[in-house]
Protein backbone atom coordinates (compact mmCIF):
# COMPACT_ATOMS: atom_id res chain seq x y z
CA MET A 1 107.57 11.73 95.87
CA SER A 2 106.98 14.28 98.45
CA ASP A 3 110.70 15.11 98.56
CA GLY A 4 110.33 15.57 94.62
CA SER A 5 112.82 12.59 93.57
CA LEU A 6 111.58 9.38 92.12
CA SER A 7 111.64 5.92 93.72
CA GLN A 8 113.31 3.06 92.21
CA ASP A 9 109.76 1.50 91.39
CA GLU A 10 108.81 4.55 89.70
CA ILE A 11 112.12 5.06 87.88
CA ASP A 12 111.80 1.29 86.50
CA ALA A 13 108.22 1.69 85.60
CA LEU A 14 109.28 4.76 83.47
CA LEU A 15 111.90 2.54 81.81
CA ALA A 16 109.47 -0.17 81.31
CA GLY A 17 107.15 2.44 79.57
CA THR A 18 104.11 1.67 81.64
CA GLY A 19 103.10 5.31 82.04
CA ASP A 20 101.38 4.91 85.08
CA ILE A 21 103.13 7.70 87.17
CA ASP A 22 101.61 10.96 87.37
CA LEU A 23 104.54 13.60 87.15
CA GLY A 24 101.90 16.37 86.37
CA ASP A 25 101.20 18.10 83.29
CA SER A 26 103.88 21.14 82.91
CA SER A 27 102.03 21.91 79.46
CA GLY A 28 98.48 22.17 80.13
CA GLY A 29 95.52 21.80 82.50
CA GLY A 30 94.34 18.33 80.76
CA ALA A 31 95.89 15.24 79.81
CA SER A 32 96.36 14.44 75.92
CA ALA A 33 97.20 11.54 73.80
CA ALA A 34 99.03 13.93 71.28
CA SER A 35 102.11 12.66 69.79
CA GLY A 36 105.49 14.61 69.17
CA ASP A 37 104.93 14.18 65.27
CA SER A 38 101.38 15.41 65.30
CA LEU A 39 102.51 18.77 67.59
CA ASP A 40 105.24 19.24 65.20
CA GLY A 41 103.31 18.96 62.25
CA LEU A 42 100.59 21.47 63.74
CA LYS A 43 103.44 23.91 64.67
CA ALA A 44 104.88 24.00 61.37
CA ALA A 45 101.60 24.27 59.56
CA LEU A 46 100.50 27.23 61.86
CA SER A 47 103.95 29.00 61.58
CA GLU A 48 103.32 29.44 57.99
CA THR A 49 100.35 31.39 58.52
CA VAL A 50 101.73 33.80 61.07
CA GLY A 51 102.69 36.60 58.45
CA GLN A 52 99.11 36.60 56.91
CA GLN A 53 97.39 36.46 60.28
CA GLN A 54 99.56 39.64 61.39
CA SER A 55 98.78 41.21 57.79
CA ASN A 56 94.75 40.45 58.36
CA MET A 57 94.85 41.42 61.88
CA ALA A 58 96.88 44.94 61.24
CA MET A 59 94.08 45.63 58.42
CA ILE A 60 91.16 45.18 60.82
CA THR A 61 92.57 46.89 64.06
CA GLY A 62 94.42 49.52 62.34
CA LYS A 63 97.40 48.83 64.04
CA GLU A 64 100.83 47.77 64.00
CA VAL A 65 100.63 43.75 64.82
CA GLU A 66 103.37 41.33 65.38
CA ILE A 67 102.62 37.63 66.12
CA ALA A 68 105.65 35.24 67.54
CA PRO A 69 105.56 31.64 66.03
CA PRO A 70 103.44 29.65 68.21
CA THR A 71 104.21 26.99 70.66
CA VAL A 72 102.16 23.83 70.48
CA ASN A 73 101.36 21.47 73.42
CA GLY A 74 99.15 18.56 74.20
CA GLY A 75 96.09 19.23 76.82
CA SER A 76 94.50 22.11 77.74
CA PRO A 77 96.07 25.35 78.97
CA ALA A 78 97.28 25.89 82.38
CA GLY A 79 97.51 28.87 84.78
CA LEU A 80 94.31 30.55 83.59
CA SER A 81 92.19 32.26 85.70
CA GLY A 82 89.08 34.79 86.02
CA GLN A 83 86.73 35.84 83.24
CA MET A 84 87.71 34.50 79.61
CA VAL A 85 86.22 35.07 76.16
CA GLN A 86 85.93 32.02 74.00
CA ILE A 87 85.52 32.33 69.82
CA THR A 88 84.05 29.14 68.92
CA TYR A 89 84.66 28.49 65.24
CA ASN A 90 84.24 24.79 64.87
CA PHE A 91 85.52 23.06 61.45
CA GLY A 92 82.46 21.23 60.81
CA ASP A 93 83.50 17.55 60.23
CA ALA A 94 87.26 18.39 60.94
CA GLY A 95 86.46 18.75 64.36
CA SER A 96 86.11 21.16 67.32
CA HIS A 97 88.01 24.44 67.02
CA SER A 98 88.08 27.61 69.23
CA TYR A 99 89.98 30.47 70.18
CA VAL A 100 90.56 31.32 73.96
CA LEU A 101 91.90 34.51 75.77
CA SER A 102 91.70 36.67 78.74
CA GLY A 103 88.81 39.24 79.14
CA ASP A 104 91.46 41.61 79.55
CA ASP A 105 93.01 40.87 76.29
CA ALA A 106 89.74 40.59 74.48
CA ILE A 107 89.09 44.13 75.53
CA LYS A 108 92.71 45.17 73.76
CA PHE A 109 91.24 43.36 70.48
CA ALA A 110 87.89 45.13 70.59
CA SER A 111 89.03 48.33 71.40
CA ALA A 112 91.69 48.35 68.33
CA SER A 113 88.81 47.13 66.00
CA MET A 114 86.12 49.54 67.25
CA GLY A 115 88.76 52.63 67.51
CA LEU A 116 87.55 53.43 71.05
CA ASP A 117 88.86 53.59 74.83
CA ASP A 118 87.35 52.04 78.02
CA VAL A 119 85.61 49.24 75.83
CA GLU A 120 83.52 46.81 77.97
CA LEU A 121 82.58 43.11 77.38
CA ASP A 122 79.38 44.03 76.05
CA PRO A 123 77.67 42.48 72.89
CA ALA A 124 78.91 44.88 70.68
CA SER A 125 82.80 44.51 71.85
CA LEU A 126 82.41 40.85 71.58
CA ASN A 127 81.02 41.03 68.09
CA ALA A 128 84.33 43.08 67.29
CA VAL A 129 86.57 40.45 68.95
CA GLN A 130 84.55 37.80 66.72
CA GLU A 131 85.36 39.66 63.62
CA VAL A 132 88.73 40.04 64.23
CA PHE A 133 89.07 36.39 64.80
CA SER A 134 87.05 35.36 61.79
CA GLN A 135 89.48 37.42 59.63
CA ILE A 136 92.68 35.60 60.98
CA SER A 137 91.36 32.26 60.97
CA GLY A 138 91.19 32.39 56.95
CA PRO A 139 94.67 31.72 56.38
CA VAL A 140 94.79 28.91 59.03
CA ILE A 141 91.82 27.28 57.25
CA ASN A 142 93.51 27.26 53.76
CA THR A 143 96.52 25.95 55.17
CA LEU A 144 95.19 23.26 57.11
CA SER A 145 92.84 22.20 54.22
CA GLU A 146 96.01 21.88 52.01
CA LYS A 147 98.08 20.04 54.63
CA THR A 148 95.50 17.54 55.63
CA GLY A 149 93.74 17.13 52.34
CA MET A 150 90.44 17.96 54.14
CA THR A 151 87.68 20.23 53.01
CA ILE A 152 87.26 22.52 56.08
CA MET A 153 83.90 24.11 56.19
CA PRO A 154 83.78 26.60 59.46
CA GLU A 155 80.65 27.25 61.36
CA PRO A 156 79.97 30.58 61.85
CA ALA A 157 82.05 32.24 64.87
CA ASN A 158 80.42 32.62 68.54
CA ALA A 159 82.03 34.63 71.15
CA THR A 160 80.89 34.53 74.52
CA THR A 161 82.28 35.48 78.04
CA VAL A 162 82.73 32.18 80.22
CA ASP A 163 84.42 31.61 83.42
CA ILE A 164 87.68 29.66 83.31
CA SER A 165 85.86 26.61 84.81
CA GLU A 166 83.25 26.81 81.92
CA VAL A 167 85.74 27.15 78.87
CA ALA A 168 84.62 24.22 76.38
CA TYR A 169 87.74 22.11 75.58
CA PRO A 170 87.40 18.81 73.33
CA ALA A 171 87.97 15.54 74.67
CA ASP A 172 91.24 15.24 73.74
CA PRO A 173 92.73 18.59 73.10
CA VAL A 174 95.91 19.98 71.44
CA TYR A 175 96.71 24.02 71.78
CA ALA A 176 98.89 26.56 70.11
CA ARG A 177 99.66 29.52 72.13
CA TYR A 178 100.48 32.78 70.48
CA THR A 179 102.04 36.10 71.69
CA VAL A 180 100.49 38.90 70.06
CA THR A 181 101.85 42.54 70.02
CA LEU A 182 99.03 45.03 69.10
CA GLY A 183 100.48 48.44 68.94
CA ASP A 184 101.84 49.60 72.48
CA ASP A 185 99.61 46.53 74.32
CA SER A 186 100.46 42.46 73.96
CA ALA A 187 98.20 39.77 74.36
CA ILE A 188 98.50 36.06 74.94
CA LEU A 189 96.06 33.88 72.58
CA TYR A 190 95.12 30.27 72.92
CA GLU A 191 94.22 28.31 69.73
CA ILE A 192 92.49 24.98 70.79
CA PHE A 193 92.34 21.91 68.14
CA GLU A 194 91.25 18.45 68.56
CA ASN A 195 94.20 15.84 68.60
CA SER A 196 92.70 13.66 66.11
CA PHE A 197 92.64 16.58 63.52
CA ALA A 198 96.31 17.40 64.35
CA SER A 199 97.40 13.82 63.97
CA ARG A 200 96.67 14.27 60.28
CA LEU A 201 99.65 16.79 60.01
CA SER A 202 102.01 14.10 61.37
CA GLY A 203 102.70 12.76 57.79
CA GLY A 204 100.02 10.21 57.57
CA GLY A 205 97.50 12.53 56.23
CA GLY A 206 94.81 12.15 53.46
CA GLY A 207 97.50 11.62 50.68
CA GLY A 208 98.11 7.93 51.36
CA GLN A 209 94.59 7.32 52.05
CA GLN A 210 93.46 8.57 48.79
CA GLN A 211 96.04 6.26 46.89
CA SER A 212 94.97 3.19 49.13
CA GLY A 213 91.36 3.85 48.13
CA MET A 214 92.20 4.12 44.40
CA GLN A 215 93.88 0.57 44.65
CA ASN A 216 90.85 -0.75 46.50
CA MET A 217 88.78 0.58 43.59
CA GLY A 218 90.79 -1.19 41.14
CA GLY A 219 90.65 -4.40 43.39
CA GLY A 220 86.81 -4.82 42.04
CA MET A 221 88.25 -5.41 38.29
CA PRO A 222 88.19 -8.64 36.55
CA GLY A 223 90.93 -10.75 38.35
CA GLY A 224 91.09 -8.39 41.53
CA GLN A 225 94.33 -6.79 39.96
CA GLY A 226 93.46 -3.44 41.19
CA MET A 227 95.43 -0.61 40.07
CA GLN A 228 98.82 -2.29 39.78
CA GLY A 229 97.37 -4.77 37.67
CA MET A 230 96.04 -2.31 35.21
CA GLN A 231 99.80 -1.04 35.07
CA GLY A 232 100.56 -4.27 32.89
CA MET A 233 97.68 -3.64 30.60
CA PRO A 234 100.11 -1.95 27.83
CA GLN A 235 102.18 -5.37 27.99
CA GLN A 236 99.19 -7.32 27.09
CA GLY A 237 98.44 -5.46 24.01
CA GLY A 238 98.14 -8.86 22.02
CA GLN A 239 95.41 -9.97 24.30
CA MET A 240 93.41 -6.62 24.34
CA ALA A 241 93.50 -6.68 20.42
CA GLY A 242 92.23 -10.31 20.27
CA MET A 243 89.27 -9.18 22.58
CA GLY A 244 88.50 -6.07 20.22
CA GLN A 245 88.50 -8.45 17.15
CA ASN A 246 86.22 -11.13 18.83
CA MET A 247 83.78 -8.19 19.75
CA GLY A 248 84.02 -6.94 16.50
CA GLY A 249 83.25 -10.37 14.68
CA GLY A 250 80.16 -10.72 17.31
CA MET A 251 78.84 -7.55 16.30
CA GLY A 252 79.24 -8.38 12.65
CA ASN A 253 77.55 -11.77 12.88
CA MET A 254 74.61 -10.01 14.92
CA ALA A 255 74.35 -7.48 12.03
CA GLY A 256 74.32 -10.12 9.29
CA GLY A 257 72.38 -12.79 10.69
CA GLY A 258 70.27 -10.72 13.06
CA MET A 259 70.04 -10.76 16.86
CA PRO A 260 69.30 -13.95 18.25
CA GLY A 261 66.01 -14.74 19.32
CA PHE A 262 64.38 -11.59 17.08
CA GLY A 263 64.62 -13.49 13.68
CA GLY A 264 66.81 -13.07 10.71
CA GLY A 265 67.48 -10.92 7.84
CA ALA A 266 67.34 -7.40 9.62
CA ASN A 267 68.65 -4.66 7.54
CA VAL A 268 71.13 -2.88 9.68
CA GLN A 269 72.94 0.16 8.98
CA SER A 270 75.37 2.23 10.75
CA VAL A 271 74.21 5.65 11.90
CA GLN A 272 75.45 9.06 10.36
CA PHE A 273 76.21 11.72 13.01
CA PRO A 274 76.32 15.34 12.05
CA SER A 275 79.57 16.95 12.18
CA LEU A 276 80.60 18.86 15.49
CA GLN A 277 82.93 21.20 13.91
CA GLN A 278 82.02 24.85 14.41
CA GLN A 279 80.27 26.07 11.41
CA GLY A 280 80.94 29.76 12.10
CA GLY A 281 82.87 31.32 9.22
CA PRO A 282 86.11 33.48 9.43
CA ASN A 283 84.05 36.66 9.49
CA GLU A 284 81.98 35.65 12.51
CA GLN A 285 85.17 34.34 14.52
CA GLY A 286 86.63 37.87 13.74
CA ASN A 287 83.78 39.67 15.06
CA ILE A 288 83.98 38.27 18.42
CA GLY A 289 87.78 39.15 18.47
CA LEU A 290 86.61 42.59 18.38
CA LEU A 291 85.05 42.52 21.76
CA MET A 292 88.18 40.75 23.55
CA ASP A 293 89.59 44.27 24.61
CA VAL A 294 86.50 45.60 26.31
CA TYR A 295 86.24 45.90 29.87
CA MET A 296 83.52 44.67 32.11
CA GLU A 297 82.82 45.36 35.88
CA MET A 298 83.49 42.45 37.82
CA THR A 299 81.98 42.61 41.28
CA VAL A 300 82.43 40.16 44.20
CA GLU A 301 79.67 40.65 46.59
CA LEU A 302 80.05 39.30 50.28
CA GLY A 303 76.43 39.52 50.96
CA ARG A 304 73.35 42.06 51.26
CA THR A 305 70.92 43.19 53.95
CA LYS A 306 67.81 45.57 54.33
CA LYS A 307 67.68 48.36 56.96
CA LEU A 308 65.10 50.68 57.93
CA ILE A 309 65.89 54.51 57.29
CA ARG A 310 66.17 55.07 60.97
CA GLU A 311 68.66 52.36 61.64
CA ILE A 312 70.71 53.42 58.53
CA LEU A 313 70.73 57.21 60.21
CA GLY A 314 71.81 55.89 63.32
CA MET A 315 74.88 54.19 62.08
CA GLY A 316 78.49 55.05 63.33
CA GLU A 317 81.94 54.12 63.47
CA GLY A 318 82.21 50.72 65.22
CA THR A 319 78.53 49.75 64.06
CA ILE A 320 78.40 45.94 63.10
CA ILE A 321 76.26 45.23 60.02
CA GLU A 322 74.99 41.59 59.77
CA LEU A 323 74.74 40.20 56.17
CA ASP A 324 72.62 37.68 54.74
CA LYS A 325 75.60 34.95 54.28
CA LEU A 326 77.15 32.64 56.73
CA ALA A 327 80.49 32.51 57.41
CA GLY A 328 82.44 30.16 54.91
CA GLU A 329 79.59 30.38 52.29
CA PRO A 330 80.69 30.93 49.05
CA VAL A 331 80.68 34.80 47.75
CA ASP A 332 79.01 35.85 44.26
CA ILE A 333 81.08 36.95 41.36
CA LEU A 334 79.05 39.08 39.28
CA VAL A 335 79.98 40.79 35.72
CA ASN A 336 77.86 43.85 35.04
CA HIS A 337 75.87 42.87 38.03
CA LYS A 338 75.03 39.43 36.31
CA LEU A 339 75.83 36.52 38.60
CA ILE A 340 78.40 34.23 36.66
CA ALA A 341 80.14 32.18 39.26
CA LYS A 342 80.90 31.75 43.07
CA GLY A 343 83.90 31.44 45.05
CA GLU A 344 85.80 31.71 48.31
CA VAL A 345 87.70 34.71 49.79
CA VAL A 346 91.54 34.16 49.98
CA VAL A 347 94.40 36.72 50.91
CA ILE A 348 97.23 37.25 48.26
CA ASP A 349 100.14 38.99 49.90
CA GLU A 350 98.22 42.35 51.35
CA ASN A 351 95.08 41.98 49.03
CA PHE A 352 91.69 40.01 48.99
CA GLY A 353 91.18 37.92 45.95
CA VAL A 354 88.52 35.19 45.26
CA ARG A 355 89.17 31.61 44.19
CA VAL A 356 86.30 30.53 42.00
CA THR A 357 84.76 27.41 43.12
CA GLU A 358 81.50 27.15 40.99
CA ILE A 359 80.52 28.70 37.31
CA VAL A 360 76.84 29.43 37.14
CA SER A 361 75.29 27.10 34.60
CA PRO A 362 73.49 29.19 31.50
CA MET A 363 70.14 27.98 32.72
CA GLU A 364 70.62 29.56 36.13
CA ARG A 365 71.65 32.75 34.60
CA VAL A 366 68.68 32.72 32.19
CA SER A 367 66.20 32.03 35.21
CA ASP A 368 67.86 35.02 37.33
CA MET A 369 66.96 37.41 34.17
CA THR A 370 63.37 36.36 34.37
């Protein structure tokens, strides 16, 4: 293949689908077993998040942001060189995930976030870059969780500077390439996934597996009928009624003649349970109605920390304050400064919101008051 053409043997091998010919990887620096369906599924899912990523990035950088829909390819990105910044933001059980961009482009994000010029890649600027990508990954996590049926619990983000040869890629990578316009600057951003995760977006995701699992659960029922067998139960009403009569008769015999092996003549009476209906009168219900229009202060607490007075006095624009909560950990929902629930942060249009994931039990509320 020195002249760039294919020999007859190579053409025959391609037609036979052997895949033994190395024609080079035009999309990335590493090989990948990614299928076209999985790449298309990942591209469609990420394209849905572009608008929200733009909004989040514009909010944290204070600049006009435009993100073009991504291109998605198998393998690792090709043509990169020099110093890189990798923001590792693993998806926990869902696999490896990170962002990769050049050192020069990372400085553009850090400069916009910190509101400073002539920024260098030091720990402070890396923290600023890390914060930017923690914010834009939120819409990605929500969308991919919904598409795959998986609960994605990301690990805390970690931004590091590495040489191009030291960038950590998974064994079978897939990447999305974004072109980002940040005010008057432009940058290229790569988002790296595992192919096994991307393949869940090709139409064979968690929905079918859940249905199959329900059928397998039903397989343990008498007769091994599974869930399909349960669908026939309404037509077998006579048999079910007969079963109920036999059971009732057996219970009656036990009540009248005593339980076998325990002698006879036992006086068995039915238990009288008290009524569970609400005992409150109309006056009591009316009293609580008087409070329905009363406003109460609801607060969402992202986290807390303690600082020395000299640290507080030394704060300025661009200072990063580390809180006591990990990234991805539920935030606290307070009513009149009392914890009532926990939730996860979401973005609704251009506003932050909270999706309630846990209601604090009354016992926990009482223990917090003591």
